[in-house]
Amino acid sequence: MAKRMQTMMRALLGGALMVGALSLPTTGMADDKAKMVIQVSDNDSGKWNLALNNAKNVQKDMGKDNVDIEIVAYGPGINMLKGESEVANRVNEAVDSGVKVMACENTMRNQKLDKADMNVKVGYVPSGVVEIMQRQQKGYTYLRP
């Protein structure tokens, strides 16, 4: 009976170890990257600077090649993506370091803005809210500073 119990325990332990091994992340796969989407919907340079600092710190702490970061601006937050905004230089630095900075085209239409009004380094999404939702569905961590 004791020998049978030992055999069962070994089988259970072996199975548990196998399940644990299967759940461990594997290296070298594209899905290994951490992903974060940051919402900025306030016309506030302080919030923008905080969002940009958060993105920079995440890249620094995790290694910029190990994380995909996207900042999505809509509503009043779109003003900080205009070409002459007070955070334009910081936005440029973020884009140059690999952060995607995206402007909502719905907001641009509503505010009568076109791409000529915007920072030349930003990208565009049809809808900021939908972009954030879709990123979350793809496993991105959501942050709103």
N, C-alpha and C. Protein backbone atom coordinates (compact mmCIF):
# COMPACT_ATOMS: atom_id res chain seq x y z
N MET A 1 0.82 -1.19 0.00
CA MET A 1 0.00 0.00 0.00
C MET A 1 0.87 1.26 0.00
N ALA A 2 1.94 1.27 0.81
CA ALA A 2 2.83 2.43 0.87
C ALA A 2 3.52 2.63 -0.46
N LYS A 3 3.92 1.53 -1.12
CA LYS A 3 4.59 1.63 -2.41
C LYS A 3 3.63 2.19 -3.46
N ARG A 4 2.37 1.77 -3.40
CA ARG A 4 1.36 2.27 -4.34
C ARG A 4 1.13 3.76 -4.11
N MET A 5 1.11 4.19 -2.85
CA MET A 5 0.93 5.59 -2.52
C MET A 5 2.11 6.42 -3.05
N GLN A 6 3.33 5.91 -2.93
CA GLN A 6 4.51 6.60 -3.46
C GLN A 6 4.41 6.76 -4.96
N THR A 7 3.98 5.71 -5.65
CA THR A 7 3.85 5.76 -7.10
C THR A 7 2.82 6.81 -7.50
N MET A 8 1.69 6.87 -6.79
CA MET A 8 0.65 7.86 -7.09
C MET A 8 1.17 9.28 -6.84
N MET A 9 1.90 9.45 -5.74
CA MET A 9 2.43 10.78 -5.43
C MET A 9 3.43 11.24 -6.49
N ARG A 10 4.27 10.31 -6.94
CA ARG A 10 5.23 10.66 -8.00
C ARG A 10 4.50 11.06 -9.28
N ALA A 11 3.46 10.33 -9.61
CA ALA A 11 2.68 10.63 -10.82
C ALA A 11 2.02 12.01 -10.70
N LEU A 12 1.44 12.29 -9.53
CA LEU A 12 0.81 13.59 -9.32
C LEU A 12 1.83 14.72 -9.37
N LEU A 13 2.94 14.52 -8.71
CA LEU A 13 3.99 15.54 -8.70
C LEU A 13 4.55 15.76 -10.10
N GLY A 14 4.75 14.69 -10.83
CA GLY A 14 5.24 14.81 -12.21
C GLY A 14 4.25 15.56 -13.07
N GLY A 15 2.96 15.28 -12.90
CA GLY A 15 1.93 15.98 -13.65
C GLY A 15 1.89 17.46 -13.30
N ALA A 16 2.03 17.76 -12.01
CA ALA A 16 2.03 19.16 -11.57
C ALA A 16 3.23 19.91 -12.15
N LEU A 17 4.38 19.25 -12.15
CA LEU A 17 5.57 19.88 -12.72
C LEU A 17 5.39 20.12 -14.21
N MET A 18 4.77 19.18 -14.90
CA MET A 18 4.54 19.33 -16.34
C MET A 18 3.59 20.50 -16.61
N VAL A 19 2.50 20.61 -15.84
CA VAL A 19 1.56 21.71 -16.02
C VAL A 19 2.27 23.03 -15.74
N GLY A 20 3.08 23.09 -14.68
CA GLY A 20 3.83 24.30 -14.36
C GLY A 20 4.77 24.67 -15.49
N ALA A 21 5.44 23.70 -16.06
CA ALA A 21 6.37 23.98 -17.16
C ALA A 21 5.62 24.49 -18.38
N LEU A 22 4.44 23.97 -18.63
CA LEU A 22 3.67 24.42 -19.79
C LEU A 22 3.20 25.86 -19.62
N SER A 23 3.01 26.31 -18.38
CA SER A 23 2.51 27.66 -18.18
C SER A 23 3.62 28.70 -18.09
N LEU A 24 4.88 28.28 -18.08
CA LEU A 24 5.99 29.22 -18.04
C LEU A 24 6.12 29.93 -19.37
N PRO A 25 6.45 31.23 -19.35
CA PRO A 25 6.65 31.92 -20.62
C PRO A 25 7.91 31.40 -21.31
N THR A 26 7.86 31.38 -22.62
CA THR A 26 9.02 30.96 -23.38
C THR A 26 9.70 32.20 -23.92
N THR A 27 11.00 32.15 -24.05
CA THR A 27 11.72 33.32 -24.53
C THR A 27 11.87 33.26 -26.04
N GLY A 28 12.04 34.45 -26.62
CA GLY A 28 12.29 34.52 -28.05
C GLY A 28 11.03 34.59 -28.90
N MET A 29 9.86 34.57 -28.28
CA MET A 29 8.63 34.65 -29.05
C MET A 29 8.15 36.10 -29.07
N ALA A 30 7.47 36.49 -30.14
CA ALA A 30 7.00 37.87 -30.29
C ALA A 30 6.04 38.26 -29.17
N ASP A 31 5.28 37.32 -28.65
CA ASP A 31 4.31 37.61 -27.61
C ASP A 31 4.94 37.86 -26.25
N ASP A 32 6.26 37.69 -26.14
CA ASP A 32 6.94 37.92 -24.87
C ASP A 32 6.95 39.37 -24.46
N LYS A 33 6.79 40.28 -25.39
CA LYS A 33 6.87 41.70 -25.07
C LYS A 33 5.71 42.10 -24.16
N ALA A 34 6.04 42.95 -23.19
CA ALA A 34 4.99 43.58 -22.40
C ALA A 34 4.36 44.65 -23.29
N LYS A 35 3.08 44.91 -23.06
CA LYS A 35 2.36 45.87 -23.90
C LYS A 35 1.55 46.80 -23.01
N MET A 36 1.62 48.09 -23.31
CA MET A 36 0.87 49.07 -22.52
C MET A 36 0.27 50.12 -23.44
N VAL A 37 -0.98 50.45 -23.18
CA VAL A 37 -1.64 51.56 -23.87
C VAL A 37 -1.96 52.61 -22.81
N ILE A 38 -1.60 53.84 -23.13
CA ILE A 38 -1.77 54.96 -22.20
C ILE A 38 -2.78 55.93 -22.80
N GLN A 39 -3.81 56.25 -22.04
CA GLN A 39 -4.84 57.20 -22.47
C GLN A 39 -4.50 58.59 -21.98
N VAL A 40 -4.56 59.57 -22.88
CA VAL A 40 -4.48 60.97 -22.47
C VAL A 40 -5.64 61.70 -23.14
N SER A 41 -6.59 62.11 -22.31
CA SER A 41 -7.76 62.81 -22.83
C SER A 41 -7.96 64.16 -22.13
N ASP A 42 -6.90 64.65 -21.49
CA ASP A 42 -6.95 65.95 -20.82
C ASP A 42 -6.03 66.94 -21.53
N ASN A 43 -6.49 68.18 -21.66
CA ASN A 43 -5.68 69.25 -22.23
C ASN A 43 -4.84 69.85 -21.10
N ASP A 44 -3.88 69.07 -20.65
CA ASP A 44 -3.10 69.44 -19.46
C ASP A 44 -1.66 68.97 -19.68
N SER A 45 -0.75 69.92 -19.76
CA SER A 45 0.64 69.56 -20.00
C SER A 45 1.20 68.70 -18.86
N GLY A 46 0.71 68.91 -17.65
CA GLY A 46 1.15 68.09 -16.52
C GLY A 46 0.79 66.62 -16.71
N LYS A 47 -0.43 66.36 -17.19
CA LYS A 47 -0.85 64.97 -17.46
C LYS A 47 -0.02 64.38 -18.60
N TRP A 48 0.22 65.20 -19.62
CA TRP A 48 1.03 64.72 -20.74
C TRP A 48 2.44 64.40 -20.29
N ASN A 49 3.02 65.27 -19.49
CA ASN A 49 4.37 65.00 -18.99
C ASN A 49 4.40 63.75 -18.13
N LEU A 50 3.36 63.54 -17.33
CA LEU A 50 3.28 62.33 -16.52
C LEU A 50 3.19 61.09 -17.42
N ALA A 51 2.34 61.14 -18.44
CA ALA A 51 2.21 60.01 -19.38
C ALA A 51 3.54 59.73 -20.07
N LEU A 52 4.21 60.78 -20.51
CA LEU A 52 5.50 60.61 -21.19
C LEU A 52 6.56 60.09 -20.23
N ASN A 53 6.54 60.55 -18.98
CA ASN A 53 7.47 60.03 -17.97
C ASN A 53 7.20 58.55 -17.70
N ASN A 54 5.91 58.19 -17.60
CA ASN A 54 5.55 56.79 -17.38
C ASN A 54 6.09 55.92 -18.50
N ALA A 55 5.89 56.34 -19.75
CA ALA A 55 6.37 55.57 -20.90
C ALA A 55 7.89 55.43 -20.86
N LYS A 56 8.58 56.53 -20.58
CA LYS A 56 10.04 56.52 -20.53
C LYS A 56 10.54 55.61 -19.42
N ASN A 57 9.91 55.67 -18.25
CA ASN A 57 10.33 54.83 -17.13
C ASN A 57 10.09 53.35 -17.39
N VAL A 58 8.98 53.02 -18.02
CA VAL A 58 8.71 51.63 -18.36
C VAL A 58 9.77 51.12 -19.33
N GLN A 59 10.10 51.92 -20.35
CA GLN A 59 11.15 51.52 -21.29
C GLN A 59 12.49 51.34 -20.58
N LYS A 60 12.79 52.25 -19.67
CA LYS A 60 14.06 52.18 -18.94
C LYS A 60 14.11 50.94 -18.05
N ASP A 61 13.05 50.70 -17.30
CA ASP A 61 13.02 49.59 -16.34
C ASP A 61 12.94 48.22 -17.00
N MET A 62 12.23 48.13 -18.12
CA MET A 62 12.03 46.84 -18.77
C MET A 62 12.94 46.63 -19.97
N GLY A 63 13.53 47.70 -20.46
CA GLY A 63 14.29 47.64 -21.70
C GLY A 63 13.35 47.97 -22.85
N LYS A 64 13.69 49.00 -23.63
CA LYS A 64 12.73 49.45 -24.64
C LYS A 64 12.43 48.40 -25.70
N ASP A 65 13.31 47.43 -25.89
CA ASP A 65 13.04 46.36 -26.85
C ASP A 65 12.12 45.28 -26.28
N ASN A 66 11.81 45.36 -24.99
CA ASN A 66 10.98 44.36 -24.34
C ASN A 66 9.55 44.83 -24.09
N VAL A 67 9.21 46.01 -24.58
CA VAL A 67 7.88 46.56 -24.31
C VAL A 67 7.38 47.36 -25.52
N ASP A 68 6.11 47.21 -25.81
CA ASP A 68 5.43 48.03 -26.82
C ASP A 68 4.54 49.01 -26.06
N ILE A 69 4.73 50.29 -26.30
CA ILE A 69 3.95 51.32 -25.63
C ILE A 69 3.26 52.18 -26.67
N GLU A 70 1.98 52.42 -26.44
CA GLU A 70 1.20 53.28 -27.32
C GLU A 70 0.45 54.29 -26.46
N ILE A 71 0.63 55.56 -26.78
CA ILE A 71 -0.13 56.63 -26.13
C ILE A 71 -1.22 57.06 -27.11
N VAL A 72 -2.46 57.07 -26.63
CA VAL A 72 -3.60 57.44 -27.48
C VAL A 72 -4.23 58.70 -26.91
N ALA A 73 -4.31 59.74 -27.75
CA ALA A 73 -4.90 61.01 -27.34
C ALA A 73 -6.21 61.24 -28.06
N TYR A 74 -7.20 61.66 -27.29
CA TYR A 74 -8.49 62.03 -27.88
C TYR A 74 -9.12 63.11 -27.01
N GLY A 75 -10.23 63.65 -27.50
CA GLY A 75 -10.89 64.72 -26.75
C GLY A 75 -9.92 65.88 -26.54
N PRO A 76 -10.04 66.56 -25.41
CA PRO A 76 -9.17 67.71 -25.14
C PRO A 76 -7.67 67.37 -25.16
N GLY A 77 -7.32 66.10 -24.94
CA GLY A 77 -5.92 65.69 -24.95
C GLY A 77 -5.24 65.86 -26.29
N ILE A 78 -6.01 65.98 -27.35
CA ILE A 78 -5.46 66.10 -28.71
C ILE A 78 -4.65 67.39 -28.86
N ASN A 79 -4.98 68.41 -28.06
CA ASN A 79 -4.29 69.70 -28.19
C ASN A 79 -2.79 69.59 -27.95
N MET A 80 -2.37 68.66 -27.14
CA MET A 80 -0.95 68.51 -26.86
C MET A 80 -0.20 67.82 -28.01
N LEU A 81 -0.95 67.37 -29.01
CA LEU A 81 -0.31 66.76 -30.19
C LEU A 81 -0.25 67.72 -31.36
N LYS A 82 -0.67 68.95 -31.13
CA LYS A 82 -0.52 69.95 -32.18
C LYS A 82 0.96 70.26 -32.36
N GLY A 83 1.30 70.72 -33.54
CA GLY A 83 2.69 70.96 -33.89
C GLY A 83 3.44 71.89 -32.94
N GLU A 84 2.78 72.87 -32.40
CA GLU A 84 3.44 73.86 -31.55
C GLU A 84 3.07 73.71 -30.08
N SER A 85 2.66 72.54 -29.64
CA SER A 85 2.26 72.39 -28.24
C SER A 85 3.46 72.49 -27.31
N GLU A 86 3.18 72.74 -26.04
CA GLU A 86 4.26 72.90 -25.06
C GLU A 86 4.98 71.60 -24.74
N VAL A 87 4.43 70.46 -25.16
CA VAL A 87 5.11 69.17 -24.93
C VAL A 87 5.60 68.54 -26.24
N ALA A 88 5.61 69.32 -27.31
CA ALA A 88 5.97 68.79 -28.63
C ALA A 88 7.35 68.13 -28.64
N ASN A 89 8.33 68.76 -28.00
CA ASN A 89 9.68 68.17 -27.98
C ASN A 89 9.69 66.84 -27.24
N ARG A 90 8.95 66.74 -26.15
CA ARG A 90 8.90 65.49 -25.40
C ARG A 90 8.17 64.41 -26.18
N VAL A 91 7.13 64.79 -26.91
CA VAL A 91 6.42 63.83 -27.75
C VAL A 91 7.38 63.30 -28.82
N ASN A 92 8.16 64.20 -29.42
CA ASN A 92 9.14 63.79 -30.43
C ASN A 92 10.15 62.80 -29.85
N GLU A 93 10.64 63.08 -28.64
CA GLU A 93 11.59 62.19 -27.99
C GLU A 93 10.98 60.81 -27.74
N ALA A 94 9.72 60.79 -27.32
CA ALA A 94 9.04 59.52 -27.07
C ALA A 94 8.91 58.71 -28.36
N VAL A 95 8.49 59.36 -29.42
CA VAL A 95 8.35 58.67 -30.71
C VAL A 95 9.72 58.16 -31.18
N ASP A 96 10.74 58.98 -31.02
CA ASP A 96 12.09 58.57 -31.43
C ASP A 96 12.59 57.38 -30.62
N SER A 97 12.08 57.20 -29.39
CA SER A 97 12.51 56.07 -28.56
C SER A 97 11.65 54.82 -28.78
N GLY A 98 10.67 54.91 -29.69
CA GLY A 98 9.88 53.74 -30.01
C GLY A 98 8.46 53.74 -29.49
N VAL A 99 8.05 54.79 -28.78
CA VAL A 99 6.67 54.90 -28.29
C VAL A 99 5.79 55.35 -29.45
N LYS A 100 4.68 54.66 -29.65
CA LYS A 100 3.71 55.12 -30.66
C LYS A 100 2.82 56.15 -29.99
N VAL A 101 2.69 57.31 -30.61
CA VAL A 101 1.81 58.36 -30.11
C VAL A 101 0.75 58.59 -31.18
N MET A 102 -0.50 58.30 -30.81
CA MET A 102 -1.58 58.27 -31.78
C MET A 102 -2.64 59.34 -31.49
N ALA A 103 -3.07 60.03 -32.53
CA ALA A 103 -4.12 61.04 -32.44
C ALA A 103 -5.43 60.46 -32.98
N CYS A 104 -6.52 60.78 -32.31
CA CYS A 104 -7.85 60.31 -32.71
C CYS A 104 -8.39 61.18 -33.84
N GLU A 105 -8.68 60.56 -34.96
CA GLU A 105 -9.20 61.31 -36.11
C GLU A 105 -10.63 61.80 -35.88
N ASN A 106 -11.43 61.10 -35.07
CA ASN A 106 -12.77 61.61 -34.73
C ASN A 106 -12.66 62.96 -34.04
N THR A 107 -11.77 63.04 -33.05
CA THR A 107 -11.57 64.30 -32.33
C THR A 107 -11.05 65.37 -33.28
N MET A 108 -10.12 65.01 -34.13
CA MET A 108 -9.58 65.99 -35.07
C MET A 108 -10.69 66.57 -35.96
N ARG A 109 -11.56 65.70 -36.45
CA ARG A 109 -12.68 66.17 -37.27
C ARG A 109 -13.58 67.11 -36.47
N ASN A 110 -13.91 66.70 -35.25
CA ASN A 110 -14.80 67.52 -34.41
C ASN A 110 -14.19 68.87 -34.06
N GLN A 111 -12.87 68.92 -33.96
CA GLN A 111 -12.19 70.19 -33.62
C GLN A 111 -11.66 70.91 -34.86
N LYS A 112 -12.05 70.41 -36.04
CA LYS A 112 -11.65 71.03 -37.31
C LYS A 112 -10.13 71.11 -37.45
N LEU A 113 -9.45 70.03 -37.05
CA LEU A 113 -8.00 69.93 -37.18
C LEU A 113 -7.67 69.00 -38.34
N ASP A 114 -6.59 69.27 -39.02
CA ASP A 114 -6.11 68.31 -40.01
C ASP A 114 -4.65 67.99 -39.71
N LYS A 115 -4.08 67.09 -40.47
CA LYS A 115 -2.72 66.62 -40.18
C LYS A 115 -1.69 67.74 -40.25
N ALA A 116 -1.96 68.78 -41.01
CA ALA A 116 -1.04 69.92 -41.10
C ALA A 116 -0.95 70.67 -39.76
N ASP A 117 -2.00 70.54 -38.92
CA ASP A 117 -2.00 71.19 -37.61
C ASP A 117 -1.22 70.39 -36.56
N MET A 118 -0.92 69.15 -36.89
CA MET A 118 -0.43 68.22 -35.88
C MET A 118 1.09 68.06 -35.93
N ASN A 119 1.63 67.54 -34.83
CA ASN A 119 3.04 67.17 -34.75
C ASN A 119 3.32 66.16 -35.86
N VAL A 120 4.37 66.38 -36.62
CA VAL A 120 4.64 65.53 -37.78
C VAL A 120 5.01 64.09 -37.40
N LYS A 121 5.36 63.85 -36.13
CA LYS A 121 5.81 62.52 -35.73
C LYS A 121 4.69 61.62 -35.20
N VAL A 122 3.49 62.16 -34.99
CA VAL A 122 2.43 61.34 -34.43
C VAL A 122 1.76 60.51 -35.51
N GLY A 123 1.13 59.43 -35.07
CA GLY A 123 0.32 58.59 -35.96
C GLY A 123 -1.15 58.87 -35.72
N TYR A 124 -1.99 58.17 -36.43
CA TYR A 124 -3.43 58.44 -36.38
C TYR A 124 -4.22 57.15 -36.27
N VAL A 125 -5.31 57.23 -35.52
CA VAL A 125 -6.27 56.13 -35.42
C VAL A 125 -7.65 56.71 -35.69
N PRO A 126 -8.53 55.92 -36.29
CA PRO A 126 -9.88 56.44 -36.57
C PRO A 126 -10.62 56.89 -35.31
N SER A 127 -10.51 56.09 -34.24
CA SER A 127 -11.22 56.39 -32.99
C SER A 127 -10.31 56.05 -31.82
N GLY A 128 -10.00 57.04 -30.98
CA GLY A 128 -9.14 56.80 -29.84
C GLY A 128 -9.71 55.80 -28.86
N VAL A 129 -11.00 55.93 -28.56
CA VAL A 129 -11.63 55.03 -27.60
C VAL A 129 -11.62 53.59 -28.12
N VAL A 130 -11.95 53.43 -29.39
CA VAL A 130 -11.95 52.08 -29.98
C VAL A 130 -10.53 51.51 -30.00
N GLU A 131 -9.55 52.35 -30.29
CA GLU A 131 -8.15 51.90 -30.30
C GLU A 131 -7.75 51.36 -28.92
N ILE A 132 -8.11 52.09 -27.87
CA ILE A 132 -7.78 51.65 -26.51
C ILE A 132 -8.48 50.33 -26.20
N MET A 133 -9.75 50.23 -26.55
CA MET A 133 -10.51 49.00 -26.32
C MET A 133 -9.87 47.81 -27.06
N GLN A 134 -9.50 48.02 -28.32
CA GLN A 134 -8.90 46.93 -29.10
C GLN A 134 -7.54 46.53 -28.54
N ARG A 135 -6.77 47.49 -28.08
CA ARG A 135 -5.47 47.17 -27.48
C ARG A 135 -5.67 46.34 -26.21
N GLN A 136 -6.64 46.72 -25.40
CA GLN A 136 -6.90 45.95 -24.18
C GLN A 136 -7.33 44.52 -24.52
N GLN A 137 -8.12 44.37 -25.57
CA GLN A 137 -8.53 43.03 -26.00
C GLN A 137 -7.34 42.19 -26.45
N LYS A 138 -6.27 42.86 -26.90
CA LYS A 138 -5.06 42.16 -27.34
C LYS A 138 -4.04 42.00 -26.21
N GLY A 139 -4.46 42.28 -24.97
CA GLY A 139 -3.59 42.03 -23.83
C GLY A 139 -2.76 43.20 -23.36
N TYR A 140 -2.99 44.39 -23.89
CA TYR A 140 -2.25 45.55 -23.44
C TYR A 140 -2.72 45.95 -22.04
N THR A 141 -1.77 46.33 -21.21
CA THR A 141 -2.09 46.92 -19.91
C THR A 141 -2.56 48.35 -20.16
N TYR A 142 -3.62 48.75 -19.48
CA TYR A 142 -4.20 50.08 -19.64
C TYR A 142 -3.68 51.00 -18.52
N LEU A 143 -3.30 52.22 -18.90
CA LEU A 143 -2.87 53.20 -17.92
C LEU A 143 -3.47 54.55 -18.29
N ARG A 144 -4.03 55.19 -17.29
CA ARG A 144 -4.48 56.58 -17.47
C ARG A 144 -3.89 57.40 -16.34
N PRO A 145 -2.84 58.15 -16.63
CA PRO A 145 -2.21 58.96 -15.57
C PRO A 145 -3.12 60.12 -15.14
